[in-house]
Amino acid sequence: MTKRSRSRTLSRRDFLKLGGGAMAATIGAGLLPRGLKALLRPTSVATAAANAATLSVPAADVPPNLHLIGTDGWAYMPGPAIPPYHPDAWAPSPFTTYIFGLRDVTALTPQQVQAQKGKVQISAPIIGVDQEAEFRMQLSNPGFIMRPDLVDSHTIHWHGFRNQTAYFDGEPMGSVSVPPGRTMMYFYKPHDPGTYMYHCHFEDTEHIHMGMTGVLYVRPIQNQGVGDIPPGKYAYNDGDGSTAYDREFAIFLADSWAKGHWDDVHIQVSDWSDYRPDFWLMNGRVYPDTLAPNGSGADPVTGDLIAPTGRPDLQYQPISSLIQANEGERVLLRLVNLGFQLPAMTLTGLRMRVVGKDATLLRGRDATDLSYLTNTVFIGSGESVDAIFTAPPYQGPDPYNTYLLYNRSYAHLHNAGGPGYGGQMTEVRIFPEGTLPAQTGPNT
């Protein structure tokens, strides 16, 4: 019998467990697997960094509708210190926390795109797509600026999308992933309206927790007008206008473990069975930062994100969770959870009608209406809820009346154990009729 030898394939976990080059020096190079010897050579790390530095973005026959990059960067979380994890001593002022994420670079030049390495955002951009429209999403991987030793690939997984082929699914065991320095075009033609989410599926426990997640929704054909139903804004093809709305707000729910973020940038292994989050996020922020305005897009010269007015610390957390409406308007909440815990989102003093769940209209096969009224919805990890409420009459005397949308799991309403309210909470502000102009996009 011929004995076959197998060369060991080195994973990034092998590298992390050995603690980098210092560990190699301790145990002696002769005891290291052949692949690890190669990785620990300075030339190997330099080569990986050089490959990522020369990002390849091939010209497409059909330009993408959206161009995303996956990289790393820094964000801000308030709260008391959790030595040594929060704030991270390596974080540039005014930031505190190392993150991975996705950025929209569609309108940037190739030079500007390359300059966004290390300047990512959380949560990822909110994406809206029309039903039955062809949609091309391009993903580029410029690599990590803080961890050039990591050669992590990235993918886009449209969570809940009914793919015809695994090629564009983003699950790396059955589809293609994008290594550092490379670009890939994803193609979709969505048939089912509703609210979804998207995320990187490469080493997904880590990459999702680090911030490579966002909200994605599909607008129904009914928006164009069908039969007796006039053109407008609808959550689904309901056939009767029952899911019509005037304003929409996407809320991405997640949780954040300070030690896990610190471990990644300091080359330490996270034991996810020890997971104990310190922050509970809405669109990448915690209360009261959830009320701060949206960012102002990208700088036309540098391509870098422009921070919300007066909040330079939220430069890379550009999505506000503040909900505003005029009295009498119908407001659609697109609630998505991709955290590791179960939030109970409560709207105080108001009732919302849940019209959809997991991108499915709540209606039976015999057209039975399965929607329901409530003031609290439980959203499991990987689930989405579409809920509509009608803004109540303005009562005065202040410029607006205030209601709260918050996680009724009260242990999650703090920031790193600090005093006062924090975590997953935002305000719903109701103005007199005609005060606010028509909405130009979600969360505006």
Protein backbone atom coordinates (compact mmCIF):
# COMPACT_ATOMS: atom_id res chain seq x y z
CA MET A 1 0.00 0.00 0.00
CA THR A 2 1.30 3.39 -0.91
CA LYS A 3 1.22 5.86 1.94
CA ARG A 4 0.10 9.32 0.91
CA SER A 5 1.29 12.40 2.71
CA ARG A 6 -0.98 15.36 3.11
CA SER A 7 0.28 18.91 3.33
CA ARG A 8 -1.58 20.91 5.93
CA THR A 9 -3.63 23.87 4.73
CA LEU A 10 -3.18 26.83 7.04
CA SER A 11 -6.26 28.74 8.08
CA ARG A 12 -6.25 32.21 9.60
CA ARG A 13 -7.33 30.52 12.84
CA ASP A 14 -4.01 28.64 12.90
CA PHE A 15 -2.23 31.93 12.61
CA LEU A 16 -4.28 33.58 15.36
CA LYS A 17 -3.86 30.66 17.73
CA LEU A 18 -0.10 30.85 17.36
CA GLY A 19 -0.15 34.57 18.10
CA GLY A 20 1.83 35.63 15.03
CA GLY A 21 5.59 35.75 14.66
CA ALA A 22 6.28 35.99 18.39
CA MET A 23 4.93 32.50 18.89
CA ALA A 24 6.97 31.22 15.99
CA ALA A 25 10.13 32.45 17.67
CA THR A 26 9.11 30.77 20.94
CA ILE A 27 8.43 27.26 19.67
CA GLY A 28 11.05 27.20 16.96
CA ALA A 29 10.66 27.31 13.22
CA GLY A 30 11.41 23.61 12.88
CA LEU A 31 8.14 22.66 14.61
CA LEU A 32 5.90 24.81 12.42
CA PRO A 33 3.75 23.46 9.58
CA ARG A 34 5.22 24.23 6.19
CA GLY A 35 2.36 26.58 5.30
CA LEU A 36 2.78 28.53 8.52
CA LYS A 37 6.50 28.99 7.93
CA ALA A 38 5.69 30.58 4.61
CA LEU A 39 3.02 32.84 6.04
CA LEU A 40 5.24 34.13 8.81
CA ARG A 41 7.95 35.23 6.42
CA PRO A 42 7.86 39.04 6.07
CA THR A 43 7.80 38.67 2.30
CA SER A 44 4.53 36.70 2.49
CA VAL A 45 2.77 39.36 4.53
CA ALA A 46 4.17 42.05 2.27
CA THR A 47 2.92 40.19 -0.81
CA ALA A 48 -0.59 39.88 0.64
CA ALA A 49 -0.63 43.58 1.45
CA ALA A 50 0.63 44.46 -2.02
CA ASN A 51 -2.07 42.37 -3.69
CA ALA A 52 -4.75 44.19 -1.71
CA ALA A 53 -3.12 47.54 -2.45
CA THR A 54 -3.54 47.01 -6.20
CA LEU A 55 -7.30 46.60 -6.28
CA SER A 56 -8.53 45.11 -9.54
CA VAL A 57 -11.83 46.58 -10.75
CA PRO A 58 -12.38 45.27 -14.29
CA ALA A 59 -14.51 47.22 -16.72
CA ALA A 60 -18.01 45.77 -16.91
CA ASP A 61 -20.04 45.37 -20.09
CA VAL A 62 -23.00 46.65 -18.09
CA PRO A 63 -22.15 49.05 -15.25
CA PRO A 64 -23.29 48.05 -11.76
CA ASN A 65 -26.32 49.61 -10.11
CA LEU A 66 -24.31 49.58 -6.89
CA HIS A 67 -20.60 49.21 -6.14
CA LEU A 68 -19.64 48.16 -2.60
CA ILE A 69 -16.26 47.64 -0.97
CA GLY A 70 -15.59 45.46 2.06
CA THR A 71 -12.83 46.66 4.37
CA ASP A 72 -12.13 47.70 7.96
CA GLY A 73 -12.15 50.93 9.95
CA TRP A 74 -13.21 52.58 13.20
CA ALA A 75 -16.49 53.63 14.81
CA TYR A 76 -17.65 55.32 18.01
CA MET A 77 -19.47 53.81 20.98
CA PRO A 78 -20.20 55.81 24.16
CA GLY A 79 -20.23 54.46 27.68
CA PRO A 80 -17.74 53.87 30.50
CA ALA A 81 -14.37 52.24 29.93
CA ILE A 82 -14.05 48.45 29.75
CA PRO A 83 -10.25 48.09 30.06
CA PRO A 84 -8.52 47.26 27.82
CA TYR A 85 -11.28 46.65 25.28
CA HIS A 86 -13.20 49.92 25.25
CA PRO A 87 -12.15 52.44 24.18
CA ASP A 88 -9.46 50.73 22.12
CA ALA A 89 -6.10 52.43 22.71
CA TRP A 90 -5.29 52.05 19.00
CA ALA A 91 -8.42 53.89 17.88
CA PRO A 92 -7.77 57.29 16.30
CA SER A 93 -9.65 60.15 17.95
CA PRO A 94 -12.65 60.49 18.22
CA PHE A 95 -13.34 56.79 17.60
CA THR A 96 -13.36 53.86 20.03
CA THR A 97 -14.09 50.58 18.26
CA TYR A 98 -12.54 48.53 15.44
CA ILE A 99 -15.03 47.36 12.79
CA PHE A 100 -15.45 45.59 9.46
CA GLY A 101 -18.10 46.87 7.07
CA LEU A 102 -19.34 47.71 3.58
CA ARG A 103 -19.29 51.08 1.79
CA ASP A 104 -21.10 52.43 -1.26
CA VAL A 105 -18.46 53.71 -3.69
CA THR A 106 -20.64 53.72 -6.83
CA ALA A 107 -20.07 57.39 -7.66
CA LEU A 108 -16.34 57.46 -6.86
CA THR A 109 -13.38 57.40 -9.23
CA PRO A 110 -11.02 54.37 -9.14
CA GLN A 111 -8.48 56.47 -7.23
CA GLN A 112 -11.10 57.52 -4.69
CA VAL A 113 -12.27 53.92 -4.31
CA GLN A 114 -8.75 52.78 -3.46
CA ALA A 115 -8.48 55.58 -0.87
CA GLN A 116 -11.49 54.23 1.06
CA LYS A 117 -9.55 51.25 2.38
CA GLY A 118 -9.87 51.48 6.16
CA LYS A 119 -12.85 53.89 5.94
CA VAL A 120 -15.84 51.60 6.17
CA GLN A 121 -19.30 52.23 7.66
CA ILE A 122 -21.80 50.43 9.93
CA SER A 123 -24.52 49.59 9.26
CA ALA A 124 -24.02 49.02 5.53
CA PRO A 125 -25.97 51.22 3.07
CA ILE A 126 -29.75 50.70 2.86
CA ILE A 127 -30.50 49.17 -0.56
CA GLY A 128 -33.83 49.48 -2.38
CA VAL A 129 -34.57 47.43 -5.52
CA ASP A 130 -37.63 47.24 -7.79
CA GLN A 131 -39.43 43.94 -8.25
CA GLU A 132 -38.59 42.22 -11.57
CA ALA A 133 -35.84 44.76 -12.33
CA GLU A 134 -32.36 43.49 -13.12
CA PHE A 135 -29.95 44.54 -10.37
CA ARG A 136 -26.17 44.31 -10.55
CA MET A 137 -24.13 44.73 -7.40
CA GLN A 138 -20.34 44.87 -7.61
CA LEU A 139 -18.21 43.93 -4.61
CA SER A 140 -14.54 44.92 -4.33
CA ASN A 141 -12.17 43.76 -1.61
CA PRO A 142 -9.27 46.20 -1.04
CA GLY A 143 -8.15 44.32 2.09
CA PHE A 144 -7.77 45.50 5.68
CA ILE A 145 -5.63 48.49 6.59
CA MET A 146 -5.15 47.48 10.24
CA ARG A 147 -4.67 43.77 9.54
CA PRO A 148 -2.74 43.36 6.27
CA ASP A 149 -1.80 39.86 7.46
CA LEU A 150 -5.44 38.77 7.10
CA VAL A 151 -6.30 37.56 3.62
CA ASP A 152 -10.02 37.34 4.33
CA SER A 153 -12.33 37.06 1.36
CA HIS A 154 -15.75 38.73 1.35
CA THR A 155 -19.11 37.89 -0.18
CA ILE A 156 -22.59 39.37 -0.47
CA HIS A 157 -25.34 37.08 0.78
CA TRP A 158 -28.87 38.38 0.14
CA HIS A 159 -30.50 36.75 3.16
CA GLY A 160 -33.85 35.20 2.19
CA PHE A 161 -33.46 35.69 -1.56
CA ARG A 162 -34.67 32.75 -3.67
CA ASN A 163 -31.63 32.19 -5.87
CA GLN A 164 -31.88 30.26 -9.13
CA THR A 165 -28.20 29.36 -8.83
CA ALA A 166 -25.75 29.16 -5.94
CA TYR A 167 -23.19 31.18 -7.88
CA PHE A 168 -24.49 34.52 -6.59
CA ASP A 169 -25.62 33.27 -3.18
CA GLY A 170 -22.52 34.40 -1.29
CA GLU A 171 -22.32 31.31 0.92
CA PRO A 172 -18.65 30.45 0.35
CA MET A 173 -19.00 26.66 0.40
CA GLY A 174 -21.23 26.67 -2.67
CA SER A 175 -20.42 29.95 -4.39
CA VAL A 176 -17.61 32.34 -5.18
CA SER A 177 -15.93 34.63 -2.64
CA VAL A 178 -13.89 37.74 -3.38
CA PRO A 179 -10.25 37.66 -2.17
CA PRO A 180 -8.21 40.79 -1.42
CA GLY A 181 -7.44 42.83 -4.50
CA ARG A 182 -10.32 41.42 -6.55
CA THR A 183 -13.82 42.43 -7.66
CA MET A 184 -16.95 40.42 -8.48
CA MET A 185 -20.31 41.33 -10.03
CA TYR A 186 -23.48 39.86 -8.49
CA PHE A 187 -26.68 39.66 -10.53
CA TYR A 188 -30.24 39.55 -9.21
CA LYS A 189 -33.77 39.77 -10.57
CA PRO A 190 -36.02 39.85 -7.50
CA HIS A 191 -39.51 38.39 -7.80
CA ASP A 192 -40.70 38.80 -4.20
CA PRO A 193 -41.22 42.22 -2.60
CA GLY A 194 -40.57 42.86 1.08
CA THR A 195 -37.78 43.53 3.55
CA TYR A 196 -34.58 41.49 3.58
CA MET A 197 -31.04 41.86 4.86
CA TYR A 198 -27.61 41.30 3.33
CA HIS A 199 -24.29 40.39 4.86
CA CYS A 200 -20.88 38.91 4.25
CA HIS A 201 -21.05 35.12 4.56
CA PHE A 202 -17.29 34.49 4.74
CA GLU A 203 -16.36 33.48 8.31
CA ASP A 204 -19.82 34.78 9.00
CA THR A 205 -19.91 34.68 12.81
CA GLU A 206 -17.00 37.10 12.89
CA HIS A 207 -17.76 39.22 9.82
CA ILE A 208 -21.43 39.72 10.74
CA HIS A 209 -20.60 40.67 14.31
CA MET A 210 -17.89 43.05 13.14
CA GLY A 211 -20.42 44.98 11.03
CA MET A 212 -20.68 43.63 7.46
CA THR A 213 -24.48 43.79 7.48
CA GLY A 214 -27.30 45.95 6.10
CA VAL A 215 -30.98 46.29 5.16
CA LEU A 216 -32.21 45.47 1.66
CA TYR A 217 -35.80 45.76 0.45
CA VAL A 218 -37.73 45.10 -2.76
CA ARG A 219 -40.39 47.56 -3.92
CA PRO A 220 -43.51 45.86 -5.39
CA ILE A 221 -44.75 46.27 -8.96
CA GLN A 222 -47.95 47.64 -7.44
CA ASN A 223 -46.07 50.92 -6.83
CA GLN A 224 -46.49 51.61 -10.55
CA GLY A 225 -50.27 51.26 -10.34
CA VAL A 226 -52.15 48.04 -11.04
CA GLY A 227 -55.82 47.85 -12.07
CA ASP A 228 -57.87 50.06 -9.77
CA ILE A 229 -54.91 50.69 -7.45
CA PRO A 230 -53.22 54.02 -8.20
CA PRO A 231 -49.43 54.48 -8.28
CA GLY A 232 -47.95 55.08 -4.86
CA LYS A 233 -45.86 53.52 -2.12
CA TYR A 234 -46.82 50.02 -1.00
CA ALA A 235 -44.98 47.42 1.05
CA TYR A 236 -46.42 44.50 -0.95
CA ASN A 237 -48.61 43.61 -3.91
CA ASP A 238 -51.63 43.52 -1.62
CA GLY A 239 -54.31 44.03 -4.30
CA ASP A 240 -56.32 46.43 -2.13
CA GLY A 241 -53.90 49.18 -1.06
CA SER A 242 -53.80 47.99 2.55
CA THR A 243 -49.98 48.22 2.74
CA ALA A 244 -49.81 51.81 1.46
CA TYR A 245 -47.49 54.16 3.32
CA ASP A 246 -46.22 57.74 3.17
CA ARG A 247 -42.83 57.36 4.90
CA GLU A 248 -40.49 54.44 5.50
CA PHE A 249 -37.74 53.83 8.03
CA ALA A 250 -35.33 50.89 8.01
CA ILE A 251 -34.00 49.83 11.40
CA PHE A 252 -31.14 47.31 11.51
CA LEU A 253 -30.78 45.68 14.94
CA ALA A 254 -27.48 44.20 16.11
CA ASP A 255 -25.39 43.74 19.24
CA SER A 256 -21.70 44.38 19.85
CA TRP A 257 -19.15 42.72 22.10
CA ALA A 258 -16.28 45.10 22.91
CA LYS A 259 -13.81 42.25 23.53
CA GLY A 260 -14.61 40.65 20.16
CA HIS A 261 -13.83 43.88 18.30
CA TRP A 262 -10.66 44.44 20.33
CA ASP A 263 -9.48 40.88 19.74
CA ASP A 264 -9.65 41.23 15.96
CA VAL A 265 -7.36 44.24 15.72
CA HIS A 266 -4.99 43.00 18.45
CA ILE A 267 -4.53 39.55 16.85
CA GLN A 268 -6.33 37.58 19.54
CA VAL A 269 -8.77 34.69 19.22
CA SER A 270 -12.39 35.30 20.26
CA ASP A 271 -14.16 32.38 21.90
CA TRP A 272 -17.70 33.04 20.71
CA SER A 273 -19.14 30.78 23.41
CA ASP A 274 -18.12 33.59 25.81
CA TYR A 275 -20.15 36.14 23.83
CA ARG A 276 -21.45 38.89 26.14
CA PRO A 277 -22.46 42.04 24.25
CA ASP A 278 -21.88 45.47 25.73
CA PHE A 279 -23.84 47.51 23.17
CA TRP A 280 -27.17 47.01 21.38
CA LEU A 281 -27.33 48.87 18.07
CA MET A 282 -29.89 50.45 15.76
CA ASN A 283 -28.35 51.17 12.34
CA GLY A 284 -24.87 50.96 13.85
CA ARG A 285 -25.54 53.43 16.67
CA VAL A 286 -26.78 53.35 20.26
CA TYR A 287 -29.17 55.72 22.03
CA PRO A 288 -28.99 58.72 22.23
CA ASP A 289 -26.79 58.73 19.10
CA THR A 290 -29.68 57.06 17.24
CA LEU A 291 -31.33 60.51 17.16
CA ALA A 292 -28.42 62.28 15.45
CA PRO A 293 -29.00 63.22 11.80
CA ASN A 294 -27.86 61.24 8.78
CA GLY A 295 -24.43 61.77 7.31
CA SER A 296 -24.10 63.99 4.24
CA GLY A 297 -22.79 61.49 1.70
CA ALA A 298 -19.25 61.41 0.34
CA ASP A 299 -16.76 64.24 -0.03
CA PRO A 300 -16.51 65.03 -3.78
CA VAL A 301 -12.73 65.39 -3.59
CA THR A 302 -11.58 62.65 -1.21
CA GLY A 303 -14.54 60.27 -1.46
CA ASP A 304 -14.53 59.94 2.34
CA LEU A 305 -17.81 60.04 4.27
CA ILE A 306 -19.01 63.41 5.55
CA ALA A 307 -19.95 63.23 9.22
CA PRO A 308 -23.40 64.24 10.51
CA THR A 309 -23.55 67.91 11.44
CA GLY A 310 -21.84 68.46 14.79
CA ARG A 311 -20.95 64.77 15.22
CA PRO A 312 -17.50 63.97 13.81
CA ASP A 313 -17.47 60.83 15.96
CA LEU A 314 -20.36 59.38 13.90
CA GLN A 315 -18.60 59.84 10.54
CA TYR A 316 -18.65 56.10 9.82
CA GLN A 317 -22.11 55.50 11.32
CA PRO A 318 -24.10 57.64 8.87
CA ILE A 319 -27.62 56.18 9.20
CA SER A 320 -30.04 57.85 11.63
CA SER A 321 -32.83 55.92 13.36
CA LEU A 322 -34.91 59.02 14.17
CA ILE A 323 -38.50 58.51 12.94
CA GLN A 324 -40.44 61.63 11.92
CA ALA A 325 -43.88 62.07 10.34
CA ASN A 326 -46.76 64.51 9.99
CA GLU A 327 -49.99 63.69 11.79
CA GLY A 328 -52.21 61.34 9.81
CA GLU A 329 -49.40 59.88 7.70
CA ARG A 330 -48.85 56.14 7.41
CA VAL A 331 -45.34 55.07 8.42
CA LEU A 332 -43.72 51.78 7.38
CA LEU A 333 -41.12 50.34 9.74
CA ARG A 334 -38.74 47.86 8.12
CA LEU A 335 -37.31 46.07 11.16
CA VAL A 336 -34.40 43.65 10.67
CA ASN A 337 -32.39 41.73 13.26
CA LEU A 338 -29.02 40.13 12.60
CA GLY A 339 -27.73 40.32 16.14
CA PHE A 340 -27.21 37.22 18.25
CA GLN A 341 -30.00 38.03 20.72
CA LEU A 342 -33.81 38.42 20.63
CA PRO A 343 -35.12 42.01 20.81
CA ALA A 344 -38.72 42.88 21.68
CA MET A 345 -39.29 46.16 19.84
CA THR A 346 -42.06 48.20 21.45
CA LEU A 347 -43.81 51.34 20.19
CA THR A 348 -45.16 53.14 23.25
CA GLY A 349 -48.61 54.73 23.02
CA LEU A 350 -49.15 53.63 19.41
CA ARG A 351 -50.30 50.44 17.72
CA MET A 352 -48.70 49.13 14.57
CA ARG A 353 -50.10 46.63 12.12
CA VAL A 354 -47.68 43.87 11.18
CA VAL A 355 -48.32 43.32 7.45
CA GLY A 356 -45.29 41.25 6.47
CA LYS A 357 -42.68 38.93 7.90
CA ASP A 358 -39.50 37.66 6.27
CA ALA A 359 -40.43 39.34 2.96
CA THR A 360 -43.84 37.63 2.89
CA LEU A 361 -47.23 39.35 2.93
CA LEU A 362 -49.26 38.12 5.90
CA ARG A 363 -52.14 36.74 3.90
CA GLY A 364 -53.31 33.15 3.58
CA ARG A 365 -53.58 31.21 0.34
CA ASP A 366 -57.32 31.78 0.45
CA ALA A 367 -56.70 35.55 0.84
CA THR A 368 -57.39 35.49 4.59
CA ASP A 369 -55.90 38.61 6.20
CA LEU A 370 -53.28 37.43 8.70
CA SER A 371 -51.97 40.89 9.60
CA TYR A 372 -52.38 41.94 13.21
CA LEU A 373 -52.25 44.96 15.50
CA THR A 374 -49.70 45.13 18.30
CA ASN A 375 -47.32 47.48 20.05
CA THR A 376 -44.51 44.90 20.42
CA VAL A 377 -42.79 42.63 17.91
CA PHE A 378 -40.22 39.94 18.68
CA ILE A 379 -37.62 39.61 15.92
CA GLY A 380 -35.32 36.60 15.92
CA SER A 381 -31.86 36.62 14.43
CA GLY A 382 -32.11 36.59 10.63
CA GLU A 383 -35.75 37.72 10.63
CA SER A 384 -37.49 40.83 9.30
CA VAL A 385 -40.83 42.48 10.08
CA ASP A 386 -42.83 45.04 8.10
CA ALA A 387 -45.14 47.06 10.35
CA ILE A 388 -47.24 50.14 9.58
CA PHE A 389 -48.62 52.70 12.04
CA THR A 390 -50.68 55.83 11.47
CA ALA A 391 -49.25 58.99 13.01
CA PRO A 392 -51.69 60.22 15.68
CA PRO A 393 -53.10 63.77 15.80
CA TYR A 394 -50.61 66.42 16.88
CA GLN A 395 -51.41 67.50 20.46
CA GLY A 396 -49.00 70.43 21.00
CA PRO A 397 -47.73 72.61 22.55
CA ASP A 398 -44.17 71.65 21.57
CA PRO A 399 -43.07 71.69 17.92
CA TYR A 400 -43.64 67.92 17.85
CA ASN A 401 -45.00 65.14 20.06
CA THR A 402 -42.60 62.37 21.05
CA TYR A 403 -43.12 58.61 21.32
CA LEU A 404 -40.51 55.91 21.85
CA LEU A 405 -39.51 52.84 19.85
CA TYR A 406 -37.30 50.69 22.05
CA ASN A 407 -36.24 47.17 23.00
CA ARG A 408 -38.39 46.06 25.93
CA SER A 409 -35.63 43.69 27.02
CA TYR A 410 -34.63 46.30 29.57
CA ALA A 411 -31.20 44.79 30.21
CA HIS A 412 -30.31 45.95 26.68
CA LEU A 413 -31.13 49.63 27.27
CA HIS A 414 -27.71 50.74 28.45
CA ASN A 415 -24.29 51.43 26.96
CA ALA A 416 -21.57 49.23 28.47
CA GLY A 417 -23.32 49.31 31.84
CA GLY A 418 -23.20 53.10 32.07
CA PRO A 419 -25.87 55.26 33.72
CA GLY A 420 -29.00 56.42 31.92
CA TYR A 421 -30.71 55.00 28.87
CA GLY A 422 -28.80 53.60 25.91
CA GLY A 423 -28.88 50.71 23.49
CA GLN A 424 -31.78 50.02 21.13
CA MET A 425 -33.99 53.07 21.56
CA THR A 426 -35.09 55.90 19.30
CA GLU A 427 -37.81 58.54 19.11
CA VAL A 428 -40.91 58.87 16.94
CA ARG A 429 -41.67 62.56 16.43
CA ILE A 430 -45.11 63.62 15.17
CA PHE A 431 -45.47 67.09 13.62
CA PRO A 432 -48.54 69.15 12.65
CA GLU A 433 -49.97 68.37 9.22
CA GLY A 434 -47.88 69.77 6.36
CA THR A 435 -44.79 70.50 8.48
CA LEU A 436 -42.40 67.95 6.95
CA PRO A 437 -41.83 67.81 3.19
CA ALA A 438 -42.30 64.57 1.27
CA GLN A 439 -39.69 61.94 2.01
CA THR A 440 -36.90 61.62 -0.57
CA GLY A 441 -35.64 58.23 0.61
CA PRO A 442 -35.76 55.86 3.57
CA ASN A 443 -34.75 57.32 6.94
CA THR A 444 -34.92 60.92 5.69
